Amino acid sequence: MISHLWRCRERPSLFSKRWFNCWAKRLFEFPALVSASFRLMRLRQRGASIGGGTIVSPSDISGRLRCLRIGQGSFIGRVKIQMHASVEIGSCVCINDGVQILTASHDVRSPNWPLIAQPIVVRDHAWIAVNALILPGVTIGRGAVVGAGAVVAKDVPDYAVVVGNPAQVRVNARCHELNYNPTCFLGFQAAWLGRPIVSVQKR
């Protein structure tokens, strides 16, 4: 991660006001950058496959880490991921704090109450908002949005917006031409790469 940021860093004119601002922010954010890099290293050592530029916050990820695959440029907040089956997360995905991704449940119809595990897939550019719950066997489509606190028990189509418990598809579909990287909004990323464009809507 550090080498990637160095190669792709913003390069303002030497000793300009922007140059001093950039390097002040980089020094301030350096501990967070080191911590994030160390966290990725530990996850990879335990068997997880994680693409370049992805950020994983301190999270509760339990089970078989070799079943976890994350693409490039994704942001994973402070989440809980239960790894009884595989979890595949695409590129440029944003998963906010408090999200729970559960790959197993019990069969309540059986007298033996067996554990049933099913994989979960989150496609590129999907956004799962705070405190959402993703249940076993679900696929979140490309560019789909899962609203805050939603409970998702069925597949979400590409570019759909789902909300509620149980999650239901809203009429307003998402834009199909997505080209952002959610990690660019993080402090230590922005310190090296420059701030992303922020749109402010007036009421």
N, C-alpha and C. Protein backbone atom coordinates (compact mmCIF):
# COMPACT_ATOMS: atom_id res chain seq x y z
N MET A 1 0.82 -1.21 0.00
CA MET A 1 0.00 0.00 0.00
C MET A 1 0.86 1.27 0.00
N ILE A 2 1.88 1.28 0.86
CA ILE A 2 2.74 2.47 0.95
C ILE A 2 3.44 2.73 -0.37
N SER A 3 3.93 1.66 -1.01
CA SER A 3 4.62 1.82 -2.30
C SER A 3 3.66 2.33 -3.37
N HIS A 4 2.40 1.86 -3.34
CA HIS A 4 1.40 2.32 -4.30
C HIS A 4 1.13 3.82 -4.13
N LEU A 5 0.97 4.26 -2.88
CA LEU A 5 0.71 5.67 -2.63
C LEU A 5 1.90 6.54 -3.05
N TRP A 6 3.10 6.02 -2.83
CA TRP A 6 4.29 6.77 -3.22
C TRP A 6 4.36 6.94 -4.73
N ARG A 7 4.06 5.87 -5.47
CA ARG A 7 4.11 5.94 -6.93
C ARG A 7 3.03 6.86 -7.50
N CYS A 8 1.85 6.85 -6.87
CA CYS A 8 0.71 7.60 -7.40
C CYS A 8 0.49 8.93 -6.69
N ARG A 9 1.45 9.37 -5.89
CA ARG A 9 1.26 10.56 -5.05
C ARG A 9 1.07 11.82 -5.87
N GLU A 10 0.35 12.75 -5.28
CA GLU A 10 0.24 14.08 -5.86
C GLU A 10 1.60 14.76 -5.75
N ARG A 11 2.00 15.47 -6.78
CA ARG A 11 3.32 16.10 -6.81
C ARG A 11 3.19 17.61 -7.03
N PRO A 12 2.86 18.35 -6.00
CA PRO A 12 2.80 19.81 -6.15
C PRO A 12 4.19 20.41 -6.32
N SER A 13 4.23 21.64 -6.76
CA SER A 13 5.52 22.33 -6.98
C SER A 13 6.32 22.38 -5.68
N LEU A 14 7.62 22.12 -5.81
CA LEU A 14 8.50 22.05 -4.65
C LEU A 14 8.46 23.35 -3.85
N PHE A 15 8.26 23.23 -2.53
CA PHE A 15 8.22 24.33 -1.58
C PHE A 15 7.07 25.31 -1.80
N SER A 16 6.08 24.91 -2.58
CA SER A 16 4.88 25.74 -2.72
C SER A 16 4.00 25.55 -1.48
N LYS A 17 2.99 26.39 -1.33
CA LYS A 17 2.07 26.25 -0.19
C LYS A 17 1.40 24.89 -0.21
N ARG A 18 1.02 24.43 -1.40
CA ARG A 18 0.38 23.13 -1.54
C ARG A 18 1.36 22.02 -1.13
N TRP A 19 2.61 22.16 -1.48
CA TRP A 19 3.64 21.15 -1.13
C TRP A 19 3.75 21.02 0.39
N PHE A 20 3.83 22.15 1.09
CA PHE A 20 3.92 22.11 2.55
C PHE A 20 2.66 21.50 3.17
N ASN A 21 1.49 21.86 2.64
CA ASN A 21 0.23 21.31 3.16
C ASN A 21 0.17 19.79 2.97
N CYS A 22 0.58 19.34 1.79
CA CYS A 22 0.56 17.91 1.50
C CYS A 22 1.45 17.14 2.46
N TRP A 23 2.67 17.61 2.64
CA TRP A 23 3.60 16.87 3.48
C TRP A 23 3.25 16.95 4.96
N ALA A 24 2.62 18.03 5.38
CA ALA A 24 2.14 18.11 6.76
C ALA A 24 1.04 17.07 7.00
N LYS A 25 0.12 16.94 6.05
CA LYS A 25 -0.95 15.95 6.17
C LYS A 25 -0.39 14.53 6.11
N ARG A 26 0.59 14.30 5.25
CA ARG A 26 1.18 12.97 5.13
C ARG A 26 1.87 12.53 6.42
N LEU A 27 2.57 13.45 7.05
CA LEU A 27 3.23 13.12 8.32
C LEU A 27 2.19 12.87 9.41
N PHE A 28 1.13 13.67 9.42
CA PHE A 28 0.08 13.51 10.43
C PHE A 28 -0.64 12.17 10.28
N GLU A 29 -0.89 11.76 9.04
CA GLU A 29 -1.65 10.55 8.77
C GLU A 29 -0.77 9.29 8.70
N PHE A 30 0.55 9.44 8.84
CA PHE A 30 1.44 8.30 8.65
C PHE A 30 1.16 7.14 9.61
N PRO A 31 0.90 7.40 10.91
CA PRO A 31 0.59 6.26 11.80
C PRO A 31 -0.62 5.44 11.34
N ALA A 32 -1.67 6.12 10.85
CA ALA A 32 -2.85 5.40 10.36
C ALA A 32 -2.51 4.57 9.13
N LEU A 33 -1.64 5.10 8.28
CA LEU A 33 -1.22 4.37 7.09
C LEU A 33 -0.44 3.11 7.46
N VAL A 34 0.47 3.23 8.40
CA VAL A 34 1.25 2.07 8.84
C VAL A 34 0.35 1.01 9.47
N SER A 35 -0.58 1.46 10.28
CA SER A 35 -1.52 0.54 10.93
C SER A 35 -2.35 -0.21 9.90
N ALA A 36 -2.86 0.49 8.90
CA ALA A 36 -3.66 -0.15 7.85
C ALA A 36 -2.83 -1.14 7.04
N SER A 37 -1.59 -0.79 6.75
CA SER A 37 -0.70 -1.69 5.99
C SER A 37 -0.41 -2.96 6.79
N PHE A 38 -0.17 -2.81 8.09
CA PHE A 38 0.11 -3.97 8.94
C PHE A 38 -1.11 -4.88 9.03
N ARG A 39 -2.31 -4.28 9.09
CA ARG A 39 -3.54 -5.07 9.17
C ARG A 39 -3.73 -5.90 7.90
N LEU A 40 -3.47 -5.32 6.74
CA LEU A 40 -3.57 -6.06 5.48
C LEU A 40 -2.55 -7.20 5.44
N MET A 41 -1.35 -6.94 5.90
CA MET A 41 -0.32 -7.96 5.91
C MET A 41 -0.75 -9.16 6.75
N ARG A 42 -1.33 -8.89 7.93
CA ARG A 42 -1.77 -9.97 8.81
C ARG A 42 -2.88 -10.80 8.16
N LEU A 43 -3.84 -10.13 7.52
CA LEU A 43 -4.92 -10.85 6.86
C LEU A 43 -4.40 -11.72 5.72
N ARG A 44 -3.46 -11.20 4.96
CA ARG A 44 -2.88 -11.99 3.86
C ARG A 44 -2.08 -13.17 4.39
N GLN A 45 -1.37 -12.97 5.49
CA GLN A 45 -0.63 -14.07 6.09
C GLN A 45 -1.56 -15.19 6.54
N ARG A 46 -2.77 -14.84 6.94
CA ARG A 46 -3.75 -15.83 7.39
C ARG A 46 -4.53 -16.45 6.24
N GLY A 47 -4.21 -16.05 5.00
CA GLY A 47 -4.78 -16.72 3.83
C GLY A 47 -5.73 -15.90 3.00
N ALA A 48 -6.09 -14.70 3.44
CA ALA A 48 -7.02 -13.87 2.67
C ALA A 48 -6.35 -13.35 1.40
N SER A 49 -7.13 -13.22 0.34
CA SER A 49 -6.65 -12.64 -0.92
C SER A 49 -7.22 -11.23 -1.03
N ILE A 50 -6.34 -10.22 -1.00
CA ILE A 50 -6.78 -8.83 -0.98
C ILE A 50 -6.03 -8.05 -2.04
N GLY A 51 -6.76 -7.37 -2.92
CA GLY A 51 -6.16 -6.62 -4.01
C GLY A 51 -5.51 -5.33 -3.57
N GLY A 52 -4.72 -4.77 -4.44
CA GLY A 52 -4.00 -3.54 -4.16
C GLY A 52 -4.94 -2.36 -3.94
N GLY A 53 -4.55 -1.46 -3.02
CA GLY A 53 -5.32 -0.26 -2.77
C GLY A 53 -6.54 -0.45 -1.90
N THR A 54 -6.79 -1.67 -1.45
CA THR A 54 -7.94 -1.93 -0.57
C THR A 54 -7.59 -1.59 0.87
N ILE A 55 -8.56 -1.06 1.61
CA ILE A 55 -8.39 -0.71 3.02
C ILE A 55 -9.37 -1.54 3.85
N VAL A 56 -8.87 -2.18 4.89
CA VAL A 56 -9.72 -2.94 5.82
C VAL A 56 -9.54 -2.35 7.21
N SER A 57 -10.60 -1.83 7.79
CA SER A 57 -10.55 -1.27 9.14
C SER A 57 -10.46 -2.40 10.16
N PRO A 58 -10.16 -2.07 11.42
CA PRO A 58 -10.16 -3.11 12.46
C PRO A 58 -11.54 -3.77 12.51
N SER A 59 -11.59 -5.07 12.25
CA SER A 59 -12.86 -5.77 12.10
C SER A 59 -12.83 -7.12 12.80
N ASP A 60 -14.02 -7.68 12.99
CA ASP A 60 -14.16 -9.02 13.55
C ASP A 60 -14.38 -9.99 12.39
N ILE A 61 -13.29 -10.57 11.89
CA ILE A 61 -13.35 -11.51 10.77
C ILE A 61 -12.92 -12.87 11.30
N SER A 62 -13.88 -13.78 11.41
CA SER A 62 -13.59 -15.07 12.02
C SER A 62 -13.80 -16.20 11.03
N GLY A 63 -13.13 -17.31 11.28
CA GLY A 63 -13.27 -18.48 10.43
C GLY A 63 -12.10 -18.66 9.50
N ARG A 64 -12.36 -19.25 8.35
CA ARG A 64 -11.31 -19.61 7.39
C ARG A 64 -10.97 -18.41 6.50
N LEU A 65 -9.89 -17.74 6.83
CA LEU A 65 -9.52 -16.54 6.08
C LEU A 65 -9.15 -16.84 4.62
N ARG A 66 -8.78 -18.08 4.32
CA ARG A 66 -8.46 -18.41 2.93
C ARG A 66 -9.70 -18.34 2.04
N CYS A 67 -10.88 -18.27 2.65
CA CYS A 67 -12.13 -18.16 1.89
C CYS A 67 -12.53 -16.71 1.62
N LEU A 68 -11.70 -15.76 2.06
CA LEU A 68 -12.01 -14.34 1.87
C LEU A 68 -11.22 -13.78 0.69
N ARG A 69 -11.95 -13.22 -0.28
CA ARG A 69 -11.32 -12.59 -1.44
C ARG A 69 -11.90 -11.19 -1.62
N ILE A 70 -11.01 -10.20 -1.69
CA ILE A 70 -11.42 -8.80 -1.88
C ILE A 70 -10.64 -8.24 -3.05
N GLY A 71 -11.32 -7.51 -3.93
CA GLY A 71 -10.68 -6.95 -5.11
C GLY A 71 -9.87 -5.70 -4.80
N GLN A 72 -9.65 -4.88 -5.81
CA GLN A 72 -8.80 -3.70 -5.68
C GLN A 72 -9.63 -2.47 -5.31
N GLY A 73 -9.01 -1.60 -4.51
CA GLY A 73 -9.60 -0.29 -4.23
C GLY A 73 -10.90 -0.31 -3.46
N SER A 74 -11.12 -1.34 -2.64
CA SER A 74 -12.34 -1.41 -1.84
C SER A 74 -12.08 -0.89 -0.43
N PHE A 75 -13.15 -0.42 0.22
CA PHE A 75 -13.07 0.02 1.61
C PHE A 75 -13.97 -0.84 2.46
N ILE A 76 -13.40 -1.48 3.49
CA ILE A 76 -14.15 -2.30 4.43
C ILE A 76 -14.06 -1.63 5.79
N GLY A 77 -15.19 -1.17 6.31
CA GLY A 77 -15.21 -0.49 7.61
C GLY A 77 -15.10 -1.47 8.76
N ARG A 78 -15.51 -1.04 9.93
CA ARG A 78 -15.47 -1.89 11.13
C ARG A 78 -16.67 -2.84 11.08
N VAL A 79 -16.45 -3.99 10.49
CA VAL A 79 -17.53 -4.93 10.19
C VAL A 79 -17.32 -6.26 10.90
N LYS A 80 -18.34 -7.11 10.80
CA LYS A 80 -18.22 -8.49 11.27
C LYS A 80 -18.45 -9.41 10.08
N ILE A 81 -17.47 -10.28 9.81
CA ILE A 81 -17.60 -11.23 8.71
C ILE A 81 -17.39 -12.63 9.28
N GLN A 82 -18.36 -13.48 9.05
CA GLN A 82 -18.33 -14.85 9.56
C GLN A 82 -17.98 -15.77 8.39
N MET A 83 -16.83 -16.44 8.48
CA MET A 83 -16.26 -17.16 7.34
C MET A 83 -16.48 -18.68 7.43
N HIS A 84 -17.75 -19.12 7.49
CA HIS A 84 -18.02 -20.55 7.39
C HIS A 84 -18.00 -21.00 5.93
N ALA A 85 -18.29 -20.07 5.02
CA ALA A 85 -18.21 -20.31 3.57
C ALA A 85 -17.50 -19.11 2.97
N SER A 86 -17.28 -19.16 1.67
CA SER A 86 -16.49 -18.11 1.02
C SER A 86 -17.25 -16.78 0.98
N VAL A 87 -16.47 -15.71 1.09
CA VAL A 87 -16.98 -14.35 0.91
C VAL A 87 -16.12 -13.69 -0.16
N GLU A 88 -16.76 -13.30 -1.25
CA GLU A 88 -16.06 -12.66 -2.37
C GLU A 88 -16.56 -11.23 -2.51
N ILE A 89 -15.66 -10.28 -2.33
CA ILE A 89 -15.97 -8.86 -2.42
C ILE A 89 -15.21 -8.28 -3.60
N GLY A 90 -15.90 -7.59 -4.49
CA GLY A 90 -15.29 -7.09 -5.70
C GLY A 90 -14.41 -5.87 -5.50
N SER A 91 -14.15 -5.18 -6.58
CA SER A 91 -13.32 -3.97 -6.56
C SER A 91 -14.18 -2.73 -6.37
N CYS A 92 -13.59 -1.71 -5.74
CA CYS A 92 -14.25 -0.42 -5.50
C CYS A 92 -15.58 -0.59 -4.76
N VAL A 93 -15.62 -1.53 -3.84
CA VAL A 93 -16.79 -1.75 -2.99
C VAL A 93 -16.62 -0.93 -1.72
N CYS A 94 -17.72 -0.40 -1.20
CA CYS A 94 -17.71 0.32 0.08
C CYS A 94 -18.64 -0.39 1.05
N ILE A 95 -18.08 -0.89 2.16
CA ILE A 95 -18.87 -1.54 3.20
C ILE A 95 -18.64 -0.75 4.49
N ASN A 96 -19.68 -0.09 4.97
CA ASN A 96 -19.55 0.83 6.09
C ASN A 96 -19.55 0.12 7.44
N ASP A 97 -19.25 0.90 8.49
CA ASP A 97 -19.18 0.36 9.85
C ASP A 97 -20.48 -0.32 10.28
N GLY A 98 -20.33 -1.35 11.10
CA GLY A 98 -21.49 -2.02 11.69
C GLY A 98 -22.15 -3.06 10.83
N VAL A 99 -21.69 -3.24 9.59
CA VAL A 99 -22.26 -4.26 8.71
C VAL A 99 -21.88 -5.65 9.21
N GLN A 100 -22.82 -6.58 9.12
CA GLN A 100 -22.56 -7.98 9.45
C GLN A 100 -22.79 -8.84 8.22
N ILE A 101 -21.80 -9.65 7.89
CA ILE A 101 -21.89 -10.57 6.75
C ILE A 101 -21.81 -11.98 7.32
N LEU A 102 -22.93 -12.70 7.26
CA LEU A 102 -23.04 -14.01 7.89
C LEU A 102 -23.19 -15.09 6.82
N THR A 103 -22.30 -16.06 6.83
CA THR A 103 -22.31 -17.10 5.80
C THR A 103 -22.98 -18.39 6.26
N ALA A 104 -23.48 -18.44 7.48
CA ALA A 104 -24.08 -19.68 7.97
C ALA A 104 -25.24 -19.40 8.91
N SER A 105 -26.16 -20.36 8.94
CA SER A 105 -27.27 -20.33 9.87
C SER A 105 -27.64 -21.78 10.18
N HIS A 106 -28.67 -21.97 10.99
CA HIS A 106 -29.11 -23.31 11.35
C HIS A 106 -30.44 -23.64 10.68
N ASP A 107 -30.61 -24.91 10.33
CA ASP A 107 -31.85 -25.37 9.73
C ASP A 107 -32.88 -25.63 10.83
N VAL A 108 -33.83 -24.72 10.99
CA VAL A 108 -34.81 -24.83 12.08
C VAL A 108 -35.84 -25.93 11.81
N ARG A 109 -35.88 -26.43 10.56
CA ARG A 109 -36.84 -27.50 10.24
C ARG A 109 -36.31 -28.88 10.58
N SER A 110 -35.02 -28.96 10.86
CA SER A 110 -34.42 -30.26 11.15
C SER A 110 -34.36 -30.50 12.67
N PRO A 111 -34.60 -31.73 13.10
CA PRO A 111 -34.50 -32.03 14.53
C PRO A 111 -33.07 -31.94 15.06
N ASN A 112 -32.09 -32.04 14.15
CA ASN A 112 -30.67 -31.98 14.55
C ASN A 112 -30.10 -30.56 14.52
N TRP A 113 -30.90 -29.59 14.02
CA TRP A 113 -30.49 -28.17 13.98
C TRP A 113 -29.10 -28.01 13.35
N PRO A 114 -28.88 -28.56 12.14
CA PRO A 114 -27.54 -28.52 11.54
C PRO A 114 -27.16 -27.13 11.06
N LEU A 115 -25.86 -26.89 10.99
CA LEU A 115 -25.34 -25.63 10.46
C LEU A 115 -25.33 -25.72 8.94
N ILE A 116 -25.88 -24.70 8.30
CA ILE A 116 -25.91 -24.64 6.83
C ILE A 116 -25.11 -23.41 6.40
N ALA A 117 -24.05 -23.63 5.64
CA ALA A 117 -23.17 -22.55 5.18
C ALA A 117 -23.37 -22.30 3.69
N GLN A 118 -23.44 -21.03 3.31
CA GLN A 118 -23.58 -20.65 1.90
C GLN A 118 -22.71 -19.43 1.62
N PRO A 119 -22.09 -19.37 0.44
CA PRO A 119 -21.19 -18.24 0.12
C PRO A 119 -21.95 -16.94 -0.10
N ILE A 120 -21.23 -15.84 0.06
CA ILE A 120 -21.77 -14.50 -0.19
C ILE A 120 -20.87 -13.81 -1.20
N VAL A 121 -21.50 -13.12 -2.15
CA VAL A 121 -20.76 -12.40 -3.19
C VAL A 121 -21.22 -10.94 -3.21
N VAL A 122 -20.27 -10.02 -3.23
CA VAL A 122 -20.56 -8.59 -3.36
C VAL A 122 -19.82 -8.10 -4.60
N ARG A 123 -20.56 -7.71 -5.62
CA ARG A 123 -19.95 -7.32 -6.89
C ARG A 123 -19.33 -5.91 -6.84
N ASP A 124 -18.58 -5.58 -7.90
CA ASP A 124 -17.87 -4.30 -8.00
C ASP A 124 -18.80 -3.10 -7.79
N HIS A 125 -18.27 -2.09 -7.11
CA HIS A 125 -18.94 -0.79 -6.91
C HIS A 125 -20.23 -0.88 -6.09
N ALA A 126 -20.44 -2.00 -5.40
CA ALA A 126 -21.59 -2.05 -4.50
C ALA A 126 -21.30 -1.22 -3.25
N TRP A 127 -22.37 -0.74 -2.62
CA TRP A 127 -22.25 0.05 -1.39
C TRP A 127 -23.20 -0.54 -0.37
N ILE A 128 -22.64 -1.01 0.76
CA ILE A 128 -23.45 -1.54 1.86
C ILE A 128 -23.33 -0.56 3.01
N ALA A 129 -24.43 0.09 3.37
CA ALA A 129 -24.42 1.17 4.35
C ALA A 129 -24.43 0.62 5.78
N VAL A 130 -24.29 1.53 6.74
CA VAL A 130 -24.07 1.18 8.14
C VAL A 130 -25.13 0.24 8.69
N ASN A 131 -24.65 -0.74 9.47
CA ASN A 131 -25.50 -1.66 10.25
C ASN A 131 -26.39 -2.57 9.41
N ALA A 132 -26.11 -2.71 8.12
CA ALA A 132 -26.87 -3.66 7.31
C ALA A 132 -26.46 -5.09 7.67
N LEU A 133 -27.36 -6.02 7.43
CA LEU A 133 -27.11 -7.43 7.71
C LEU A 133 -27.28 -8.23 6.42
N ILE A 134 -26.22 -8.93 6.01
CA ILE A 134 -26.24 -9.74 4.80
C ILE A 134 -26.28 -11.21 5.22
N LEU A 135 -27.31 -11.93 4.81
CA LEU A 135 -27.52 -13.30 5.25
C LEU A 135 -26.92 -14.31 4.26
N PRO A 136 -26.77 -15.57 4.67
CA PRO A 136 -26.07 -16.58 3.84
C PRO A 136 -26.68 -16.75 2.45
N GLY A 137 -25.80 -16.97 1.47
CA GLY A 137 -26.22 -17.27 0.11
C GLY A 137 -26.57 -16.09 -0.75
N VAL A 138 -26.41 -14.86 -0.24
CA VAL A 138 -26.83 -13.65 -0.96
C VAL A 138 -25.74 -13.17 -1.92
N THR A 139 -26.16 -12.68 -3.08
CA THR A 139 -25.28 -11.97 -4.01
C THR A 139 -25.76 -10.53 -4.13
N ILE A 140 -24.86 -9.59 -3.85
CA ILE A 140 -25.15 -8.16 -4.02
C ILE A 140 -24.62 -7.75 -5.39
N GLY A 141 -25.48 -7.32 -6.27
CA GLY A 141 -25.11 -7.05 -7.65
C GLY A 141 -24.17 -5.87 -7.82
N ARG A 142 -23.62 -5.77 -9.01
CA ARG A 142 -22.71 -4.67 -9.35
C ARG A 142 -23.42 -3.33 -9.18
N GLY A 143 -22.77 -2.41 -8.46
CA GLY A 143 -23.30 -1.07 -8.29
C GLY A 143 -24.54 -0.98 -7.42
N ALA A 144 -24.92 -2.08 -6.78
CA ALA A 144 -26.12 -2.06 -5.94
C ALA A 144 -25.86 -1.32 -4.63
N VAL A 145 -26.93 -0.83 -4.01
CA VAL A 145 -26.84 -0.12 -2.74
C VAL A 145 -27.75 -0.81 -1.73
N VAL A 146 -27.19 -1.14 -0.57
CA VAL A 146 -27.96 -1.70 0.54
C VAL A 146 -28.08 -0.61 1.59
N GLY A 147 -29.29 -0.17 1.89
CA GLY A 147 -29.51 0.93 2.80
C GLY A 147 -29.13 0.61 4.23
N ALA A 148 -28.96 1.65 5.03
CA ALA A 148 -28.58 1.49 6.43
C ALA A 148 -29.59 0.65 7.18
N GLY A 149 -29.10 -0.35 7.92
CA GLY A 149 -29.96 -1.20 8.74
C GLY A 149 -30.77 -2.22 7.97
N ALA A 150 -30.59 -2.33 6.66
CA ALA A 150 -31.36 -3.29 5.87
C ALA A 150 -30.95 -4.72 6.21
N VAL A 151 -31.91 -5.63 6.10
CA VAL A 151 -31.64 -7.06 6.30
C VAL A 151 -31.86 -7.75 4.96
N VAL A 152 -30.76 -8.24 4.37
CA VAL A 152 -30.80 -8.77 3.01
C VAL A 152 -30.77 -10.30 3.05
N ALA A 153 -31.88 -10.91 2.65
CA ALA A 153 -32.00 -12.36 2.63
C ALA A 153 -32.07 -12.93 1.22
N LYS A 154 -32.23 -12.03 0.21
CA LYS A 154 -32.32 -12.47 -1.18
C LYS A 154 -31.33 -11.67 -2.03
N ASP A 155 -31.00 -12.19 -3.20
CA ASP A 155 -30.06 -11.52 -4.10
C ASP A 155 -30.56 -10.12 -4.45
N VAL A 156 -29.61 -9.20 -4.58
CA VAL A 156 -29.91 -7.82 -4.97
C VAL A 156 -29.45 -7.62 -6.42
N PRO A 157 -30.33 -7.20 -7.32
CA PRO A 157 -29.94 -7.04 -8.73
C PRO A 157 -28.89 -5.94 -8.90
N ASP A 158 -28.19 -5.98 -10.03
CA ASP A 158 -27.23 -4.94 -10.37
C ASP A 158 -27.89 -3.56 -10.31
N TYR A 159 -27.21 -2.59 -9.71
CA TYR A 159 -27.59 -1.18 -9.67
C TYR A 159 -28.91 -0.91 -8.92
N ALA A 160 -29.42 -1.91 -8.21
CA ALA A 160 -30.65 -1.71 -7.44
C ALA A 160 -30.33 -1.05 -6.11
N VAL A 161 -31.33 -0.39 -5.53
CA VAL A 161 -31.24 0.19 -4.19
C VAL A 161 -32.25 -0.54 -3.31
N VAL A 162 -31.78 -1.18 -2.23
CA VAL A 162 -32.69 -1.92 -1.36
C VAL A 162 -32.65 -1.34 0.05
N VAL A 163 -33.80 -1.31 0.70
CA VAL A 163 -33.91 -0.78 2.07
C VAL A 163 -34.90 -1.63 2.85
N GLY A 164 -34.79 -1.57 4.18
CA GLY A 164 -35.81 -2.16 5.04
C GLY A 164 -35.49 -3.56 5.52
N ASN A 165 -36.42 -4.11 6.31
CA ASN A 165 -36.33 -5.46 6.87
C ASN A 165 -37.68 -6.15 6.70
N PRO A 166 -37.75 -7.10 5.74
CA PRO A 166 -36.69 -7.55 4.83
C PRO A 166 -36.43 -6.51 3.73
N ALA A 167 -35.23 -6.53 3.18
CA ALA A 167 -34.84 -5.53 2.19
C ALA A 167 -35.72 -5.63 0.95
N GLN A 168 -36.21 -4.47 0.50
CA GLN A 168 -37.05 -4.38 -0.69
C GLN A 168 -36.42 -3.41 -1.68
N VAL A 169 -36.58 -3.70 -2.97
CA VAL A 169 -36.01 -2.85 -4.02
C VAL A 169 -36.83 -1.58 -4.17
N ARG A 170 -36.15 -0.44 -4.15
CA ARG A 170 -36.80 0.84 -4.40
C ARG A 170 -36.83 1.11 -5.89
N VAL A 171 -37.69 2.04 -6.30
CA VAL A 171 -37.84 2.34 -7.73
C VAL A 171 -36.59 3.00 -8.29
N ASN A 172 -35.97 3.90 -7.51
CA ASN A 172 -34.82 4.66 -8.05
C ASN A 172 -33.58 3.78 -8.15
N ALA A 173 -33.22 3.43 -9.37
CA ALA A 173 -32.01 2.64 -9.61
C ALA A 173 -30.80 3.56 -9.61
N ARG A 174 -29.64 2.97 -9.43
CA ARG A 174 -28.41 3.75 -9.36
C ARG A 174 -27.84 4.00 -10.76
N CYS A 175 -27.02 5.02 -10.86
CA CYS A 175 -26.30 5.30 -12.10
C CYS A 175 -25.50 4.07 -12.53
N HIS A 176 -25.46 3.78 -13.83
CA HIS A 176 -24.75 2.60 -14.33
C HIS A 176 -23.31 2.87 -14.69
N GLU A 177 -22.92 4.13 -14.74
CA GLU A 177 -21.54 4.48 -15.12
C GLU A 177 -20.79 4.95 -13.88
N LEU A 178 -20.26 3.99 -13.14
CA LEU A 178 -19.57 4.27 -11.88
C LEU A 178 -18.06 4.21 -12.09
N ASN A 179 -17.35 5.25 -11.66
CA ASN A 179 -15.90 5.28 -11.89
C ASN A 179 -15.14 5.84 -10.69
N TYR A 180 -15.70 5.72 -9.49
CA TYR A 180 -15.05 6.25 -8.30
C TYR A 180 -14.31 5.15 -7.55
N ASN A 181 -13.43 5.59 -6.64
CA ASN A 181 -12.74 4.67 -5.73
C ASN A 181 -13.04 5.13 -4.30
N PRO A 182 -13.77 4.33 -3.51
CA PRO A 182 -14.20 4.79 -2.18
C PRO A 182 -13.05 5.08 -1.22
N THR A 183 -11.89 4.50 -1.43
CA THR A 183 -10.78 4.74 -0.51
C THR A 183 -10.21 6.14 -0.64
N CYS A 184 -10.51 6.84 -1.73
CA CYS A 184 -9.98 8.19 -1.94
C CYS A 184 -10.54 9.19 -0.93
N PHE A 185 -11.62 8.83 -0.25
CA PHE A 185 -12.23 9.73 0.72
C PHE A 185 -11.59 9.59 2.10
N LEU A 186 -10.69 8.62 2.27
CA LEU A 186 -10.02 8.43 3.55
C LEU A 186 -8.91 9.45 3.73
N GLY A 187 -8.65 9.85 4.98
CA GLY A 187 -7.68 10.90 5.26
C GLY A 187 -6.29 10.60 4.74
N PHE A 188 -5.74 9.43 5.06
CA PHE A 188 -4.35 9.17 4.66
C PHE A 188 -4.23 8.90 3.16
N GLN A 189 -5.30 8.44 2.52
CA GLN A 189 -5.27 8.30 1.07
C GLN A 189 -5.29 9.68 0.40
N ALA A 190 -6.19 10.54 0.88
CA ALA A 190 -6.31 11.88 0.30
C ALA A 190 -5.04 12.69 0.51
N ALA A 191 -4.33 12.44 1.61
CA ALA A 191 -3.08 13.17 1.87
C ALA A 191 -2.04 12.89 0.79
N TRP A 192 -2.07 11.69 0.24
CA TRP A 192 -1.09 11.33 -0.80
C TRP A 192 -1.61 11.57 -2.21
N LEU A 193 -2.89 11.28 -2.43
CA LEU A 193 -3.41 11.31 -3.79
C LEU A 193 -4.16 12.59 -4.12
N GLY A 194 -4.48 13.41 -3.10
CA GLY A 194 -5.28 14.60 -3.32
C GLY A 194 -6.73 14.34 -2.98
N ARG A 195 -7.45 15.37 -2.62
CA ARG A 195 -8.84 15.24 -2.23
C ARG A 195 -9.73 14.94 -3.43
N PRO A 196 -10.71 14.04 -3.27
CA PRO A 196 -11.67 13.80 -4.35
C PRO A 196 -12.66 14.96 -4.46
N ILE A 197 -13.35 15.01 -5.56
CA ILE A 197 -14.37 16.04 -5.77
C ILE A 197 -15.58 15.74 -4.88
N VAL A 198 -16.03 16.74 -4.14
CA VAL A 198 -17.20 16.58 -3.27
C VAL A 198 -18.31 17.48 -3.77
N SER A 199 -19.47 16.88 -4.01
CA SER A 199 -20.62 17.64 -4.48
C SER A 199 -21.50 18.02 -3.30
N VAL A 200 -21.83 19.30 -3.18
CA VAL A 200 -22.69 19.78 -2.09
C VAL A 200 -23.99 20.27 -2.71
N GLN A 201 -25.10 19.65 -2.29
CA GLN A 201 -26.39 20.05 -2.82
C GLN A 201 -27.04 21.11 -1.93
N LYS A 202 -27.51 22.19 -2.53
CA LYS A 202 -28.19 23.25 -1.81
C LYS A 202 -29.68 23.00 -1.79
N ARG A 203 -30.29 23.31 -0.64
CA ARG A 203 -31.75 23.12 -0.52
C ARG A 203 -32.47 24.44 -0.72
